[in-house]
C-alpha atoms as a PDB file:
ATOM      1  CA  MET A   1     106.555  36.556 101.638  1.00  0.00           C
ATOM      2  CA  ASP A   2     108.820  35.011 104.095  1.00  0.00           C
ATOM      3  CA  THR A   3     111.246  32.335 103.140  1.00  0.00           C
ATOM      4  CA  TRP A   4     109.980  29.864 105.661  1.00  0.00           C
ATOM      5  CA  LEU A   5     106.483  30.264 104.204  1.00  0.00           C
ATOM      6  CA  ILE A   6     107.774  29.549 100.706  1.00  0.00           C
ATOM      7  CA  VAL A   7     109.689  26.500 101.962  1.00  0.00           C
ATOM      8  CA  LEU A   8     106.574  25.340 103.794  1.00  0.00           C
ATOM      9  CA  LEU A   9     104.450  25.715 100.624  1.00  0.00           C
ATOM     10  CA  VAL A  10     107.035  23.842  98.567  1.00  0.00           C
ATOM     11  CA  VAL A  11     107.193  21.040 101.184  1.00  0.00           C
ATOM     12  CA  VAL A  12     103.381  20.841 101.359  1.00  0.00           C
ATOM     13  CA  ALA A  13     103.186  20.762  97.533  1.00  0.00           C
ATOM     14  CA  LEU A  14     105.787  17.995  97.426  1.00  0.00           C
ATOM     15  CA  VAL A  15     103.908  16.018 100.099  1.00  0.00           C
ATOM     16  CA  VAL A  16     100.658  16.454  98.171  1.00  0.00           C
ATOM     17  CA  LEU A  17     102.379  15.307  94.951  1.00  0.00           C
ATOM     18  CA  VAL A  18     103.851  12.259  96.723  1.00  0.00           C
ATOM     19  CA  LEU A  19     100.443  11.399  98.212  1.00  0.00           C
ATOM     20  CA  VAL A  20      98.779  11.752  94.797  1.00  0.00           C
ATOM     21  CA  GLY A  21     101.520   9.576  93.255  1.00  0.00           C
ATOM     22  CA  LEU A  22     101.074   6.925  95.963  1.00  0.00           C
ATOM     23  CA  ALA A  23      97.299   6.976  95.504  1.00  0.00           C
ATOM     24  CA  LEU A  24      97.676   6.598  91.746  1.00  0.00           C
ATOM     25  CA  ALA A  25     100.182   3.747  92.184  1.00  0.00           C
ATOM     26  CA  LYS A  26      97.844   1.970  94.613  1.00  0.00           C
ATOM     27  CA  ARG A  27      94.931   2.500  92.255  1.00  0.00           C
ATOM     28  CA  SER A  28      97.007   1.099  89.395  1.00  0.00           C
ATOM     29  CA  ARG A  29      97.963  -1.952  91.496  1.00  0.00           C
ATOM     30  CA  VAL A  30      94.329  -2.543  92.454  1.00  0.00           C
ATOM     31  CA  ALA A  31      93.213  -2.183  88.829  1.00  0.00           C
ATOM     32  CA  SER A  32      96.008  -4.518  87.734  1.00  0.00           C
ATOM     33  CA  ALA A  33      95.026  -7.073  90.383  1.00  0.00           C
ATOM     34  CA  ARG A  34      91.395  -6.796  89.347  1.00  0.00           C
ATOM     35  CA  ARG A  35      92.376  -7.261  85.693  1.00  0.00           C
ATOM     36  CA  ARG A  36      94.475 -10.335  86.588  1.00  0.00           C
ATOM     37  CA  GLU A  37      91.555 -11.792  88.557  1.00  0.00           C
ATOM     38  CA  GLN A  38      89.220 -11.205  85.619  1.00  0.00           C
ATOM     39  CA  GLN A  39      91.720 -12.879  83.321  1.00  0.00           C
ATOM     40  CA  ARG A  40      91.966 -15.851  85.692  1.00  0.00           C
ATOM     41  CA  ALA A  41      88.172 -16.114  85.838  1.00  0.00           C
ATOM     42  CA  GLN A  42      88.016 -15.939  82.055  1.00  0.00           C
ATOM     43  CA  ALA A  43      90.781 -18.554  81.801  1.00  0.00           C
ATOM     44  CA  ARG A  44      88.816 -20.835  84.181  1.00  0.00           C
ATOM     45  CA  GLU A  45      85.711 -20.379  82.022  1.00  0.00           C
ATOM     46  CA  HIS A  46      87.709 -21.225  78.907  1.00  0.00           C
ATOM     47  CA  LEU A  47      89.156 -24.314  80.585  1.00  0.00           C
ATOM     48  CA  GLU A  48      85.680 -25.450  81.658  1.00  0.00           C
ATOM     49  CA  GLU A  49      84.305 -24.890  78.162  1.00  0.00           C
ATOM     50  CA  ALA A  50      87.313 -26.699  76.681  1.00  0.00           C
ATOM     51  CA  ARG A  51      86.677 -29.627  79.029  1.00  0.00           C
ATOM     52  CA  LEU A  52      82.989 -29.749  78.074  1.00  0.00           C
ATOM     53  CA  ARG A  53      83.736 -29.496  74.365  1.00  0.00           C
ATOM     54  CA  GLY A  54      86.423 -32.166  74.697  1.00  0.00           C
ATOM     55  CA  ALA A  55      83.916 -34.490  76.358  1.00  0.00           C
ATOM     56  CA  GLN A  56      81.368 -33.685  73.634  1.00  0.00           C
ATOM     57  CA  ALA A  57      83.983 -34.316  70.943  1.00  0.00           C
ATOM     58  CA  GLU A  58      84.867 -37.691  72.477  1.00  0.00           C
ATOM     59  CA  LYS A  59      81.182 -38.597  72.637  1.00  0.00           C
ATOM     60  CA  GLU A  60      80.636 -37.549  69.011  1.00  0.00           C
ATOM     61  CA  GLN A  61      83.757 -39.466  67.946  1.00  0.00           C
ATOM     62  CA  ALA A  62      82.513 -42.595  69.706  1.00  0.00           C
ATOM     63  CA  LEU A  63      79.097 -42.222  68.038  1.00  0.00           C
ATOM     64  CA  ALA A  64      80.736 -41.707  64.640  1.00  0.00           C
ATOM     65  CA  GLU A  65      82.890 -44.804  65.096  1.00  0.00           C
ATOM     66  CA  GLU A  66      79.860 -46.802  66.204  1.00  0.00           C
ATOM     67  CA  GLN A  67      77.884 -45.577  63.186  1.00  0.00           C
ATOM     68  CA  ALA A  68      80.742 -46.464  60.837  1.00  0.00           C
ATOM     69  CA  ALA A  69      81.016 -49.921  62.404  1.00  0.00           C
ATOM     70  CA  ARG A  70      77.254 -50.405  62.039  1.00  0.00           C
ATOM     71  CA  ALA A  71      77.457 -49.357  58.379  1.00  0.00           C
ATOM     72  CA  ARG A  72      80.336 -51.781  57.756  1.00  0.00           C
ATOM     73  CA  ARG A  73      78.417 -54.572  59.494  1.00  0.00           C
ATOM     74  CA  GLU A  74      75.253 -53.835  57.476  1.00  0.00           C
ATOM     75  CA  ARG A  75      77.263 -53.710  54.244  1.00  0.00           C
ATOM     76  CA  ALA A  76      78.819 -57.088  55.106  1.00  0.00           C
ATOM     77  CA  GLU A  77      75.360 -58.509  55.800  1.00  0.00           C
ATOM     78  CA  VAL A  78      74.056 -57.172  52.491  1.00  0.00           C
ATOM     79  CA  GLU A  79      77.058 -58.611  50.674  1.00  0.00           C
ATOM     80  CA  GLU A  80      76.479 -61.956  52.372  1.00  0.00           C
ATOM     81  CA  ARG A  81      72.775 -61.933  51.426  1.00  0.00           C
ATOM     82  CA  THR A  82      73.733 -60.995  47.874  1.00  0.00           C
ATOM     83  CA  ARG A  83      76.291 -63.787  47.729  1.00  0.00           C
ATOM     84  CA  LEU A  84      73.726 -66.289  49.036  1.00  0.00           C
ATOM     85  CA  ALA A  85      71.050 -65.053  46.605  1.00  0.00           C
ATOM     86  CA  GLU A  86      73.465 -65.314  43.675  1.00  0.00           C
ATOM     87  CA  GLN A  87      74.485 -68.796  44.790  1.00  0.00           C
ATOM     88  CA  GLU A  88      70.825 -69.809  45.049  1.00  0.00           C
ATOM     89  CA  ALA A  89      70.152 -68.301  41.610  1.00  0.00           C
ATOM     90  CA  ARG A  90      73.073 -70.276  40.147  1.00  0.00           C
ATOM     91  CA  GLN A  91      71.754 -73.445  41.794  1.00  0.00           C
ATOM     92  CA  ARG A  92      68.270 -72.789  40.417  1.00  0.00           C
ATOM     93  CA  ALA A  93      69.688 -72.106  36.961  1.00  0.00           C
ATOM     94  CA  ALA A  94      71.665 -75.351  37.145  1.00  0.00           C
ATOM     95  CA  SER A  95      68.548 -77.195  38.325  1.00  0.00           C
ATOM     96  CA  ALA A  96      66.505 -75.611  35.523  1.00  0.00           C
ATOM     97  CA  GLN A  97      69.159 -76.664  33.029  1.00  0.00           C
ATOM     98  CA  GLU A  98      69.050 -80.217  34.400  1.00  0.00           C
ATOM     99  CA  HIS A  99      65.245 -80.255  34.129  1.00  0.00           C
ATOM    100  CA  ALA A 100      65.407 -78.856  30.591  1.00  0.00           C
ATOM    101  CA  SER A 101      67.969 -81.521  29.619  1.00  0.00           C
ATOM    102  CA  ALA A 102      65.839 -84.250  31.203  1.00  0.00           C
ATOM    103  CA  ALA A 103      62.751 -82.898  29.417  1.00  0.00           C
ATOM    104  CA  GLU A 104      64.612 -82.894  26.103  1.00  0.00           C
ATOM    105  CA  ARG A 105      65.813 -86.475  26.690  1.00  0.00           C
ATOM    106  CA  LEU A 106      62.267 -87.547  27.543  1.00  0.00           C
ATOM    107  CA  ARG A 107      60.895 -85.805  24.420  1.00  0.00           C
ATOM    108  CA  ALA A 108      63.528 -87.550  22.303  1.00  0.00           C
ATOM    109  CA  GLU A 109      62.685 -90.883  23.906  1.00  0.00           C
ATOM    110  CA  ALA A 110      58.944 -90.241  23.416  1.00  0.00           C
ATOM    111  CA  GLU A 111      59.618 -89.383  19.749  1.00  0.00           C
ATOM    112  CA  LYS A 112      61.482 -92.673  19.347  1.00  0.00           C
ATOM    113  CA  LEU A 113      58.657 -94.609  20.985  1.00  0.00           C
ATOM    114  CA  ALA A 114      55.800 -92.828  19.185  1.00  0.00           C
ATOM    115  CA  PRO A 115      56.919 -90.655  16.263  1.00  0.00           C
ATOM    116  CA  GLY A 116      54.756 -87.569  15.678  1.00  0.00           C
ATOM    117  CA  LEU A 117      53.168 -87.645  19.145  1.00  0.00           C
ATOM    118  CA  ALA A 118      55.264 -84.744  20.412  1.00  0.00           C
ATOM    119  CA  ASP A 119      54.336 -82.628  17.343  1.00  0.00           C
ATOM    120  CA  GLY A 120      50.596 -82.944  17.998  1.00  0.00           C
ATOM    121  CA  ARG A 121      50.074 -85.271  14.981  1.00  0.00           C
ATOM    122  CA  HIS A 122      48.816 -88.161  17.052  1.00  0.00           C
ATOM    123  CA  GLY A 123      45.456 -88.541  15.302  1.00  0.00           C
ATOM    124  CA  GLY A 124      43.359 -88.107  18.417  1.00  0.00           C
ATOM    125  CA  GLY A 125      41.384 -85.164  17.022  1.00  0.00           C
ATOM    126  CA  ASP A 126      41.408 -81.616  18.248  1.00  0.00           C
ATOM    127  CA  HIS A 127      42.391 -81.657  21.886  1.00  0.00           C
ATOM    128  CA  VAL A 128      42.421 -78.635  24.158  1.00  0.00           C
ATOM    129  CA  THR A 129      45.058 -78.954  26.845  1.00  0.00           C
ATOM    130  CA  ASP A 130      43.618 -76.263  29.134  1.00  0.00           C
ATOM    131  CA  PRO A 131      39.809 -76.493  29.205  1.00  0.00           C
ATOM    132  CA  ASP A 132      39.477 -73.617  31.699  1.00  0.00           C
ATOM    133  CA  ALA A 133      41.269 -71.179  29.426  1.00  0.00           C
ATOM    134  CA  THR A 134      39.717 -71.842  26.004  1.00  0.00           C
ATOM    135  CA  ARG A 135      36.873 -73.695  24.285  1.00  0.00           C
ATOM    136  CA  ARG A 136      36.263 -74.861  20.766  1.00  0.00           C
ATOM    137  CA  ILE A 137      34.049 -72.598  18.625  1.00  0.00           C
ATOM    138  CA  GLU A 138      33.555 -73.408  14.960  1.00  0.00           C
ATOM    139  CA  GLY A 139      37.117 -74.532  14.369  1.00  0.00           C
ATOM    140  CA  GLY A 140      38.661 -71.564  16.270  1.00  0.00           C
ATOM    141  CA  GLN A 141      39.409 -70.889  19.876  1.00  0.00           C
ATOM    142  CA  ALA A 142      37.857 -68.108  21.977  1.00  0.00           C
ATOM    143  CA  PRO A 143      38.455 -66.990  25.553  1.00  0.00           C
ATOM    144  CA  VAL A 144      36.146 -68.494  28.166  1.00  0.00           C
ATOM    145  CA  ALA A 145      36.826 -66.299  31.178  1.00  0.00           C
ATOM    146  CA  GLY A 146      34.719 -63.203  31.836  1.00  0.00           C
ATOM    147  CA  ASP A 147      31.484 -62.015  30.254  1.00  0.00           C
ATOM    148  CA  GLY A 148      32.969 -61.090  26.911  1.00  0.00           C
ATOM    149  CA  ARG A 149      33.013 -57.354  27.595  1.00  0.00           C
ATOM    150  CA  GLY A 150      36.719 -57.299  28.604  1.00  0.00           C
ATOM    151  CA  GLY A 151      38.127 -54.494  30.694  1.00  0.00           C
ATOM    152  CA  SER A 152      39.071 -54.215  34.314  1.00  0.00           C
ATOM    153  CA  THR A 153      38.121 -56.706  36.980  1.00  0.00           C
ATOM    154  CA  ARG A 154      36.769 -53.901  39.197  1.00  0.00           C
ATOM    155  CA  ARG A 155      33.201 -52.999  38.576  1.00  0.00           C
END
């Protein structure tokens, strides 16, 4: 083989190698650019999802705060109702105590005015204080209501 043919083959081989290297470098740059674009798109998606989740988190936080405030308000209302009910119960107990004291004073005064009247020893015979509830039967008392069979009121 001639020398110039060998040189020509070597030059052609080098040119082919350079062209293959350039093609591979371009392909690598294109793949790298494509990868960067995909990463940017993915980053944009992540940012959008982060924005949506942030908005959802703020909404949930606001709802949680509102619910907590409502619970505190309801608890305060319950405590206020409880306080008022206890106050009313104390007032009723005080009123009941006053009535009981007044009743005791009146009983004592009645005993002074007519001894034995409060004990039922007033000499007026057998007296039934609630005629609807009981009646006199041979010295004893028996229930009046019903038909004597007892039991439930449903029939």
